[in-house]
Amino acid sequence: MFSIEGIISNQQQKITYTYESGIGKIDGDLLIMLAVEDAMESSDLTGPVGQYLERDINNPLAVLSVINECFEAITGYDGDLPEADPMPEGAR
């Protein structure tokens, strides 16, 4: 589980992601919830550079990437943030 705080439309907002038994769920302030729910519907891939992911509520890294896309600025976080896979040896 993790929470992200940030700015969207000049307002401080907070969103929380929980993942239990393979099921992801988001909860938070209205503006960021609307933005993330809308962004999750996109067919564009998301994710860190080199590890592109489908937008899937049950993939914590994908959800974190979508949340990051939606905030204008991130001001804080709490919890265990998912991490991208390490770069393969020899990659540039």
PDB file of N, CA and C in Angstrom:
ATOM      1  N   MET A   1       0.831  -1.170   0.000  1.00  0.00           N
ATOM      2  CA  MET A   1       0.000   0.000   0.000  1.00  0.00           C
ATOM      3  C   MET A   1       0.884   1.245   0.000  1.00  0.00           C
ATOM      4  N   PHE A   2       0.415   2.263  -0.747  1.00  0.00           N
ATOM      5  CA  PHE A   2       1.126   3.532  -0.730  1.00  0.00           C
ATOM      6  C   PHE A   2       0.142   4.684  -0.932  1.00  0.00           C
ATOM      7  N   SER A   3       0.558   5.855  -0.485  1.00  0.00           N
ATOM      8  CA  SER A   3      -0.214   7.085  -0.675  1.00  0.00           C
ATOM      9  C   SER A   3       0.693   8.112  -1.317  1.00  0.00           C
ATOM     10  N   ILE A   4       0.123   8.892  -2.207  1.00  0.00           N
ATOM     11  CA  ILE A   4       0.855   9.955  -2.888  1.00  0.00           C
ATOM     12  C   ILE A   4       0.091  11.252  -2.673  1.00  0.00           C
ATOM     13  N   GLU A   5       0.811  12.306  -2.322  1.00  0.00           N
ATOM     14  CA  GLU A   5       0.235  13.639  -2.189  1.00  0.00           C
ATOM     15  C   GLU A   5       0.849  14.533  -3.251  1.00  0.00           C
ATOM     16  N   GLY A   6       0.038  15.438  -3.776  1.00  0.00           N
ATOM     17  CA  GLY A   6       0.558  16.345  -4.783  1.00  0.00           C
ATOM     18  C   GLY A   6      -0.423  17.427  -5.142  1.00  0.00           C
ATOM     19  N   ILE A   7      -0.071  18.149  -6.174  1.00  0.00           N
ATOM     20  CA  ILE A   7      -0.859  19.287  -6.636  1.00  0.00           C
ATOM     21  C   ILE A   7      -1.503  18.940  -7.974  1.00  0.00           C
ATOM     22  N   ILE A   8      -2.799  19.231  -8.071  1.00  0.00           N
ATOM     23  CA  ILE A   8      -3.534  19.118  -9.325  1.00  0.00           C
ATOM     24  C   ILE A   8      -4.530  20.274  -9.345  1.00  0.00           C
ATOM     25  N   SER A   9      -4.514  21.040 -10.412  1.00  0.00           N
ATOM     26  CA  SER A   9      -5.370  22.229 -10.535  1.00  0.00           C
ATOM     27  C   SER A   9      -5.217  23.160  -9.332  1.00  0.00           C
ATOM     28  N   ASN A  10      -3.972  23.382  -8.933  1.00  0.00           N
ATOM     29  CA  ASN A  10      -3.629  24.268  -7.820  1.00  0.00           C
ATOM     30  C   ASN A  10      -4.226  23.853  -6.487  1.00  0.00           C
ATOM     31  N   GLN A  11      -4.572  22.570  -6.345  1.00  0.00           N
ATOM     32  CA  GLN A  11      -5.117  22.072  -5.087  1.00  0.00           C
ATOM     33  C   GLN A  11      -4.299  20.884  -4.598  1.00  0.00           C
ATOM     34  N   GLN A  12      -4.051  20.854  -3.298  1.00  0.00           N
ATOM     35  CA  GLN A  12      -3.371  19.722  -2.679  1.00  0.00           C
ATOM     36  C   GLN A  12      -4.341  18.539  -2.654  1.00  0.00           C
ATOM     37  N   GLN A  13      -3.884  17.397  -3.151  1.00  0.00           N
ATOM     38  CA  GLN A  13      -4.715  16.197  -3.229  1.00  0.00           C
ATOM     39  C   GLN A  13      -3.912  15.005  -2.732  1.00  0.00           C
ATOM     40  N   LYS A  14      -4.634  13.969  -2.292  1.00  0.00           N
ATOM     41  CA  LYS A  14      -3.992  12.741  -1.827  1.00  0.00           C
ATOM     42  C   LYS A  14      -4.753  11.545  -2.378  1.00  0.00           C
ATOM     43  N   ILE A  15      -4.006  10.529  -2.818  1.00  0.00           N
ATOM     44  CA  ILE A  15      -4.592   9.295  -3.314  1.00  0.00           C
ATOM     45  C   ILE A  15      -3.851   8.118  -2.677  1.00  0.00           C
ATOM     46  N   THR A  16      -4.598   7.085  -2.351  1.00  0.00           N
ATOM     47  CA  THR A  16      -4.039   5.897  -1.714  1.00  0.00           C
ATOM     48  C   THR A  16      -4.340   4.679  -2.570  1.00  0.00           C
ATOM     49  N   TYR A  17      -3.339   3.823  -2.712  1.00  0.00           N
ATOM     50  CA  TYR A  17      -3.492   2.574  -3.454  1.00  0.00           C
ATOM     51  C   TYR A  17      -3.302   1.421  -2.487  1.00  0.00           C
ATOM     52  N   THR A  18      -4.240   0.479  -2.514  1.00  0.00           N
ATOM     53  CA  THR A  18      -4.113  -0.740  -1.727  1.00  0.00           C
ATOM     54  C   THR A  18      -4.160  -1.930  -2.668  1.00  0.00           C
ATOM     55  N   TYR A  19      -3.456  -2.981  -2.286  1.00  0.00           N
ATOM     56  CA  TYR A  19      -3.367  -4.188  -3.102  1.00  0.00           C
ATOM     57  C   TYR A  19      -3.465  -5.375  -2.160  1.00  0.00           C
ATOM     58  N   GLU A  20      -4.551  -6.114  -2.291  1.00  0.00           N
ATOM     59  CA  GLU A  20      -4.790  -7.239  -1.401  1.00  0.00           C
ATOM     60  C   GLU A  20      -5.323  -8.421  -2.195  1.00  0.00           C
ATOM     61  N   SER A  21      -4.702  -9.552  -2.042  1.00  0.00           N
ATOM     62  CA  SER A  21      -5.117 -10.795  -2.715  1.00  0.00           C
ATOM     63  C   SER A  21      -5.228 -10.621  -4.232  1.00  0.00           C
ATOM     64  N   GLY A  22      -4.281  -9.860  -4.806  1.00  0.00           N
ATOM     65  CA  GLY A  22      -4.256  -9.680  -6.254  1.00  0.00           C
ATOM     66  C   GLY A  22      -5.209  -8.638  -6.794  1.00  0.00           C
ATOM     67  N   ILE A  23      -5.868  -7.893  -5.913  1.00  0.00           N
ATOM     68  CA  ILE A  23      -6.849  -6.882  -6.328  1.00  0.00           C
ATOM     69  C   ILE A  23      -6.370  -5.507  -5.877  1.00  0.00           C
ATOM     70  N   GLY A  24      -6.261  -4.564  -6.836  1.00  0.00           N
ATOM     71  CA  GLY A  24      -5.863  -3.205  -6.532  1.00  0.00           C
ATOM     72  C   GLY A  24      -7.066  -2.297  -6.389  1.00  0.00           C
ATOM     73  N   LYS A  25      -6.920  -1.281  -5.538  1.00  0.00           N
ATOM     74  CA  LYS A  25      -8.007  -0.331  -5.302  1.00  0.00           C
ATOM     75  C   LYS A  25      -7.404   1.037  -5.000  1.00  0.00           C
ATOM     76  N   ILE A  26      -8.032   2.091  -5.528  1.00  0.00           N
ATOM     77  CA  ILE A  26      -7.595   3.445  -5.223  1.00  0.00           C
ATOM     78  C   ILE A  26      -8.700   4.169  -4.469  1.00  0.00           C
ATOM     79  N   ASP A  27      -8.271   5.112  -3.622  1.00  0.00           N
ATOM     80  CA  ASP A  27      -9.210   5.936  -2.866  1.00  0.00           C
ATOM     81  C   ASP A  27      -8.507   7.257  -2.595  1.00  0.00           C
ATOM     82  N   GLY A  28      -9.257   8.341  -2.635  1.00  0.00           N
ATOM     83  CA  GLY A  28      -8.615   9.615  -2.368  1.00  0.00           C
ATOM     84  C   GLY A  28      -9.506  10.804  -2.620  1.00  0.00           C
ATOM     85  N   ASP A  29      -8.856  11.962  -2.739  1.00  0.00           N
ATOM     86  CA  ASP A  29      -9.562  13.217  -2.971  1.00  0.00           C
ATOM     87  C   ASP A  29     -10.154  13.249  -4.376  1.00  0.00           C
ATOM     88  N   LEU A  30     -11.222  14.006  -4.531  1.00  0.00           N
ATOM     89  CA  LEU A  30     -12.038  13.986  -5.747  1.00  0.00           C
ATOM     90  C   LEU A  30     -11.257  14.272  -7.028  1.00  0.00           C
ATOM     91  N   LEU A  31     -10.495  15.364  -7.084  1.00  0.00           N
ATOM     92  CA  LEU A  31      -9.828  15.732  -8.343  1.00  0.00           C
ATOM     93  C   LEU A  31      -8.841  14.674  -8.818  1.00  0.00           C
ATOM     94  N   ILE A  32      -8.006  14.177  -7.908  1.00  0.00           N
ATOM     95  CA  ILE A  32      -7.018  13.190  -8.332  1.00  0.00           C
ATOM     96  C   ILE A  32      -7.690  11.862  -8.657  1.00  0.00           C
ATOM     97  N   MET A  33      -8.755  11.527  -7.957  1.00  0.00           N
ATOM     98  CA  MET A  33      -9.481  10.292  -8.271  1.00  0.00           C
ATOM     99  C   MET A  33     -10.056  10.362  -9.691  1.00  0.00           C
ATOM    100  N   LEU A  34     -10.677  11.486 -10.032  1.00  0.00           N
ATOM    101  CA  LEU A  34     -11.244  11.635 -11.376  1.00  0.00           C
ATOM    102  C   LEU A  34     -10.149  11.552 -12.439  1.00  0.00           C
ATOM    103  N   ALA A  35      -9.027  12.216 -12.184  1.00  0.00           N
ATOM    104  CA  ALA A  35      -7.925  12.218 -13.156  1.00  0.00           C
ATOM    105  C   ALA A  35      -7.344  10.818 -13.340  1.00  0.00           C
ATOM    106  N   VAL A  36      -7.123  10.102 -12.251  1.00  0.00           N
ATOM    107  CA  VAL A  36      -6.523   8.765 -12.342  1.00  0.00           C
ATOM    108  C   VAL A  36      -7.501   7.782 -12.979  1.00  0.00           C
ATOM    109  N   GLU A  37      -8.762   7.833 -12.581  1.00  0.00           N
ATOM    110  CA  GLU A  37      -9.751   6.930 -13.176  1.00  0.00           C
ATOM    111  C   GLU A  37      -9.845   7.145 -14.682  1.00  0.00           C
ATOM    112  N   ASP A  38      -9.826   8.408 -15.111  1.00  0.00           N
ATOM    113  CA  ASP A  38      -9.865   8.706 -16.541  1.00  0.00           C
ATOM    114  C   ASP A  38      -8.594   8.217 -17.235  1.00  0.00           C
ATOM    115  N   ALA A  39      -7.434   8.462 -16.629  1.00  0.00           N
ATOM    116  CA  ALA A  39      -6.160   8.058 -17.224  1.00  0.00           C
ATOM    117  C   ALA A  39      -6.027   6.541 -17.298  1.00  0.00           C
ATOM    118  N   MET A  40      -6.623   5.827 -16.371  1.00  0.00           N
ATOM    119  CA  MET A  40      -6.560   4.362 -16.395  1.00  0.00           C
ATOM    120  C   MET A  40      -7.314   3.787 -17.590  1.00  0.00           C
ATOM    121  N   GLU A  41      -8.240   4.540 -18.161  1.00  0.00           N
ATOM    122  CA  GLU A  41      -9.024   4.079 -19.314  1.00  0.00           C
ATOM    123  C   GLU A  41      -8.259   4.182 -20.631  1.00  0.00           C
ATOM    124  N   SER A  42      -7.151   4.913 -20.646  1.00  0.00           N
ATOM    125  CA  SER A  42      -6.364   5.096 -21.864  1.00  0.00           C
ATOM    126  C   SER A  42      -5.762   3.771 -22.320  1.00  0.00           C
ATOM    127  N   SER A  43      -5.609   3.620 -23.610  1.00  0.00           N
ATOM    128  CA  SER A  43      -4.956   2.419 -24.141  1.00  0.00           C
ATOM    129  C   SER A  43      -3.447   2.615 -24.302  1.00  0.00           C
ATOM    130  N   ASP A  44      -2.949   3.834 -24.030  1.00  0.00           N
ATOM    131  CA  ASP A  44      -1.507   4.090 -24.089  1.00  0.00           C
ATOM    132  C   ASP A  44      -0.795   3.313 -22.986  1.00  0.00           C
ATOM    133  N   LEU A  45       0.415   2.875 -23.277  1.00  0.00           N
ATOM    134  CA  LEU A  45       1.213   2.202 -22.261  1.00  0.00           C
ATOM    135  C   LEU A  45       1.730   3.228 -21.264  1.00  0.00           C
ATOM    136  N   THR A  46       2.056   2.777 -20.076  1.00  0.00           N
ATOM    137  CA  THR A  46       2.602   3.634 -19.029  1.00  0.00           C
ATOM    138  C   THR A  46       3.811   2.933 -18.437  1.00  0.00           C
ATOM    139  N   GLY A  47       4.403   3.510 -17.430  1.00  0.00           N
ATOM    140  CA  GLY A  47       5.511   2.849 -16.738  1.00  0.00           C
ATOM    141  C   GLY A  47       6.805   3.606 -16.873  1.00  0.00           C
ATOM    142  N   PRO A  48       7.804   3.145 -16.135  1.00  0.00           N
ATOM    143  CA  PRO A  48       9.123   3.773 -16.215  1.00  0.00           C
ATOM    144  C   PRO A  48       9.764   3.490 -17.570  1.00  0.00           C
ATOM    145  N   VAL A  49      10.709   4.322 -17.950  1.00  0.00           N
ATOM    146  CA  VAL A  49      11.402   4.154 -19.229  1.00  0.00           C
ATOM    147  C   VAL A  49      11.989   2.753 -19.301  1.00  0.00           C
ATOM    148  N   GLY A  50      11.716   2.081 -20.395  1.00  0.00           N
ATOM    149  CA  GLY A  50      12.250   0.749 -20.611  1.00  0.00           C
ATOM    150  C   GLY A  50      11.400  -0.376 -20.050  1.00  0.00           C
ATOM    151  N   GLN A  51      10.374  -0.035 -19.292  1.00  0.00           N
ATOM    152  CA  GLN A  51       9.491  -1.069 -18.736  1.00  0.00           C
ATOM    153  C   GLN A  51       8.044  -0.612 -18.920  1.00  0.00           C
ATOM    154  N   TYR A  52       7.597  -0.628 -20.143  1.00  0.00           N
ATOM    155  CA  TYR A  52       6.261  -0.132 -20.453  1.00  0.00           C
ATOM    156  C   TYR A  52       5.212  -1.161 -20.070  1.00  0.00           C
ATOM    157  N   LEU A  53       4.139  -0.677 -19.475  1.00  0.00           N
ATOM    158  CA  LEU A  53       3.112  -1.542 -18.905  1.00  0.00           C
ATOM    159  C   LEU A  53       1.729  -1.140 -19.394  1.00  0.00           C
ATOM    160  N   GLU A  54       0.835  -2.119 -19.463  1.00  0.00           N
ATOM    161  CA  GLU A  54      -0.571  -1.805 -19.696  1.00  0.00           C
ATOM    162  C   GLU A  54      -1.128  -1.195 -18.418  1.00  0.00           C
ATOM    163  N   ARG A  55      -2.093  -0.304 -18.583  1.00  0.00           N
ATOM    164  CA  ARG A  55      -2.732   0.329 -17.431  1.00  0.00           C
ATOM    165  C   ARG A  55      -3.672  -0.686 -16.797  1.00  0.00           C
ATOM    166  N   ASP A  56      -3.291  -1.159 -15.631  1.00  0.00           N
ATOM    167  CA  ASP A  56      -4.022  -2.222 -14.955  1.00  0.00           C
ATOM    168  C   ASP A  56      -4.090  -1.904 -13.467  1.00  0.00           C
ATOM    169  N   ILE A  57      -5.299  -1.770 -12.938  1.00  0.00           N
ATOM    170  CA  ILE A  57      -5.490  -1.434 -11.529  1.00  0.00           C
ATOM    171  C   ILE A  57      -4.856  -2.476 -10.610  1.00  0.00           C
ATOM    172  N   ASN A  58      -4.639  -3.673 -11.112  1.00  0.00           N
ATOM    173  CA  ASN A  58      -4.058  -4.745 -10.301  1.00  0.00           C
ATOM    174  C   ASN A  58      -2.542  -4.838 -10.427  1.00  0.00           C
ATOM    175  N   ASN A  59      -1.917  -3.836 -11.060  1.00  0.00           N
ATOM    176  CA  ASN A  59      -0.462  -3.773 -11.184  1.00  0.00           C
ATOM    177  C   ASN A  59       0.009  -2.507 -10.458  1.00  0.00           C
ATOM    178  N   PRO A  60       0.556  -2.635  -9.247  1.00  0.00           N
ATOM    179  CA  PRO A  60       0.941  -1.455  -8.470  1.00  0.00           C
ATOM    180  C   PRO A  60       1.885  -0.492  -9.203  1.00  0.00           C
ATOM    181  N   LEU A  61       2.854  -1.011  -9.965  1.00  0.00           N
ATOM    182  CA  LEU A  61       3.784  -0.134 -10.682  1.00  0.00           C
ATOM    183  C   LEU A  61       3.058   0.648 -11.779  1.00  0.00           C
ATOM    184  N   ALA A  62       2.139   0.019 -12.470  1.00  0.00           N
ATOM    185  CA  ALA A  62       1.360   0.718 -13.497  1.00  0.00           C
ATOM    186  C   ALA A  62       0.513   1.820 -12.869  1.00  0.00           C
ATOM    187  N   VAL A  63      -0.112   1.524 -11.741  1.00  0.00           N
ATOM    188  CA  VAL A  63      -0.945   2.526 -11.066  1.00  0.00           C
ATOM    189  C   VAL A  63      -0.081   3.689 -10.583  1.00  0.00           C
ATOM    190  N   LEU A  64       1.066   3.405 -10.005  1.00  0.00           N
ATOM    191  CA  LEU A  64       1.971   4.476  -9.574  1.00  0.00           C
ATOM    192  C   LEU A  64       2.363   5.355 -10.756  1.00  0.00           C
ATOM    193  N   SER A  65       2.634   4.755 -11.890  1.00  0.00           N
ATOM    194  CA  SER A  65       3.014   5.519 -13.081  1.00  0.00           C
ATOM    195  C   SER A  65       1.873   6.408 -13.553  1.00  0.00           C
ATOM    196  N   VAL A  66       0.652   5.896 -13.526  1.00  0.00           N
ATOM    197  CA  VAL A  66      -0.514   6.696 -13.930  1.00  0.00           C
ATOM    198  C   VAL A  66      -0.720   7.844 -12.946  1.00  0.00           C
ATOM    199  N   ILE A  67      -0.614   7.575 -11.656  1.00  0.00           N
ATOM    200  CA  ILE A  67      -0.747   8.638 -10.651  1.00  0.00           C
ATOM    201  C   ILE A  67       0.288   9.722 -10.915  1.00  0.00           C
ATOM    202  N   ASN A  68       1.518   9.327 -11.195  1.00  0.00           N
ATOM    203  CA  ASN A  68       2.590  10.280 -11.479  1.00  0.00           C
ATOM    204  C   ASN A  68       2.250  11.145 -12.700  1.00  0.00           C
ATOM    205  N   GLU A  69       1.622  10.559 -13.709  1.00  0.00           N
ATOM    206  CA  GLU A  69       1.216  11.309 -14.906  1.00  0.00           C
ATOM    207  C   GLU A  69       0.173  12.370 -14.566  1.00  0.00           C
ATOM    208  N   CYS A  70      -0.678  12.094 -13.584  1.00  0.00           N
ATOM    209  CA  CYS A  70      -1.831  12.942 -13.311  1.00  0.00           C
ATOM    210  C   CYS A  70      -1.524  14.144 -12.421  1.00  0.00           C
ATOM    211  N   PHE A  71      -0.570  14.011 -11.527  1.00  0.00           N
ATOM    212  CA  PHE A  71      -0.213  15.138 -10.668  1.00  0.00           C
ATOM    213  C   PHE A  71       0.652  16.129 -11.435  1.00  0.00           C
ATOM    214  N   GLU A  72       0.432  17.408 -11.181  1.00  0.00           N
ATOM    215  CA  GLU A  72       1.300  18.449 -11.733  1.00  0.00           C
ATOM    216  C   GLU A  72       2.622  18.474 -10.970  1.00  0.00           C
ATOM    217  N   ALA A  73       2.549  18.197  -9.667  1.00  0.00           N
ATOM    218  CA  ALA A  73       3.733  18.115  -8.806  1.00  0.00           C
ATOM    219  C   ALA A  73       3.413  17.157  -7.671  1.00  0.00           C
ATOM    220  N   ILE A  74       4.387  16.345  -7.289  1.00  0.00           N
ATOM    221  CA  ILE A  74       4.223  15.440  -6.158  1.00  0.00           C
ATOM    222  C   ILE A  74       4.936  16.062  -4.964  1.00  0.00           C
ATOM    223  N   THR A  75       4.228  16.144  -3.842  1.00  0.00           N
ATOM    224  CA  THR A  75       4.768  16.803  -2.659  1.00  0.00           C
ATOM    225  C   THR A  75       5.137  15.819  -1.543  1.00  0.00           C
ATOM    226  N   GLY A  76       4.710  14.573  -1.669  1.00  0.00           N
ATOM    227  CA  GLY A  76       5.058  13.601  -0.640  1.00  0.00           C
ATOM    228  C   GLY A  76       4.478  12.238  -0.941  1.00  0.00           C
ATOM    229  N   TYR A  77       4.963  11.265  -0.198  1.00  0.00           N
ATOM    230  CA  TYR A  77       4.439   9.907  -0.338  1.00  0.00           C
ATOM    231  C   TYR A  77       4.618   9.180   0.980  1.00  0.00           C
ATOM    232  N   ASP A  78       3.887   8.075   1.112  1.00  0.00           N
ATOM    233  CA  ASP A  78       3.983   7.244   2.294  1.00  0.00           C
ATOM    234  C   ASP A  78       3.762   5.799   1.867  1.00  0.00           C
ATOM    235  N   GLY A  79       4.418   4.883   2.517  1.00  0.00           N
ATOM    236  CA  GLY A  79       4.217   3.472   2.221  1.00  0.00           C
ATOM    237  C   GLY A  79       5.313   2.897   1.353  1.00  0.00           C
ATOM    238  N   ASP A  80       5.026   1.726   0.819  1.00  0.00           N
ATOM    239  CA  ASP A  80       5.992   0.990   0.000  1.00  0.00           C
ATOM    240  C   ASP A  80       5.716   1.222  -1.481  1.00  0.00           C
ATOM    241  N   LEU A  81       6.521   2.062  -2.106  1.00  0.00           N
ATOM    242  CA  LEU A  81       6.360   2.331  -3.532  1.00  0.00           C
ATOM    243  C   LEU A  81       6.928   1.172  -4.342  1.00  0.00           C
ATOM    244  N   PRO A  82       6.190   0.718  -5.357  1.00  0.00           N
ATOM    245  CA  PRO A  82       6.731  -0.337  -6.222  1.00  0.00           C
ATOM    246  C   PRO A  82       7.907   0.206  -7.027  1.00  0.00           C
ATOM    247  N   GLU A  83       8.822  -0.677  -7.377  1.00  0.00           N
ATOM    248  CA  GLU A  83      10.011  -0.270  -8.122  1.00  0.00           C
ATOM    249  C   GLU A  83      10.057  -0.975  -9.471  1.00  0.00           C
ATOM    250  N   ALA A  84      10.667  -0.300 -10.427  1.00  0.00           N
ATOM    251  CA  ALA A  84      10.870  -0.892 -11.753  1.00  0.00           C
ATOM    252  C   ALA A  84      11.895  -2.005 -11.653  1.00  0.00           C
ATOM    253  N   ASP A  85      11.838  -2.919 -12.615  1.00  0.00           N
ATOM    254  CA  ASP A  85      12.846  -3.960 -12.693  1.00  0.00           C
ATOM    255  C   ASP A  85      14.213  -3.325 -12.938  1.00  0.00           C
ATOM    256  N   PRO A  86      15.278  -3.896 -12.402  1.00  0.00           N
ATOM    257  CA  PRO A  86      16.611  -3.337 -12.663  1.00  0.00           C
ATOM    258  C   PRO A  86      16.977  -3.481 -14.141  1.00  0.00           C
ATOM    259  N   MET A  87      17.837  -2.571 -14.621  1.00  0.00           N
ATOM    260  CA  MET A  87      18.287  -2.662 -16.014  1.00  0.00           C
ATOM    261  C   MET A  87      19.100  -3.924 -16.195  1.00  0.00           C
ATOM    262  N   PRO A  88      18.891  -4.623 -17.292  1.00  0.00           N
ATOM    263  CA  PRO A  88      19.678  -5.837 -17.549  1.00  0.00           C
ATOM    264  C   PRO A  88      21.158  -5.489 -17.699  1.00  0.00           C
ATOM    265  N   GLU A  89      21.997  -6.402 -17.321  1.00  0.00           N
ATOM    266  CA  GLU A  89      23.428  -6.195 -17.438  1.00  0.00           C
ATOM    267  C   GLU A  89      23.801  -5.958 -18.895  1.00  0.00           C
ATOM    268  N   GLY A  90      24.609  -4.944 -19.146  1.00  0.00           N
ATOM    269  CA  GLY A  90      25.048  -4.635 -20.494  1.00  0.00           C
ATOM    270  C   GLY A  90      24.140  -3.661 -21.236  1.00  0.00           C
ATOM    271  N   ALA A  91      22.986  -3.311 -20.649  1.00  0.00           N
ATOM    272  CA  ALA A  91      22.070  -2.352 -21.304  1.00  0.00           C
ATOM    273  C   ALA A  91      22.631  -0.950 -21.185  1.00  0.00           C
ATOM    274  N   ARG A  92      22.336  -0.139 -22.180  1.00  0.00           N
ATOM    275  CA  ARG A  92      22.792   1.248 -22.179  1.00  0.00           C
ATOM    276  C   ARG A  92      21.641   2.188 -22.204  1.00  0.00           C
TER     277      ARG A  92
END
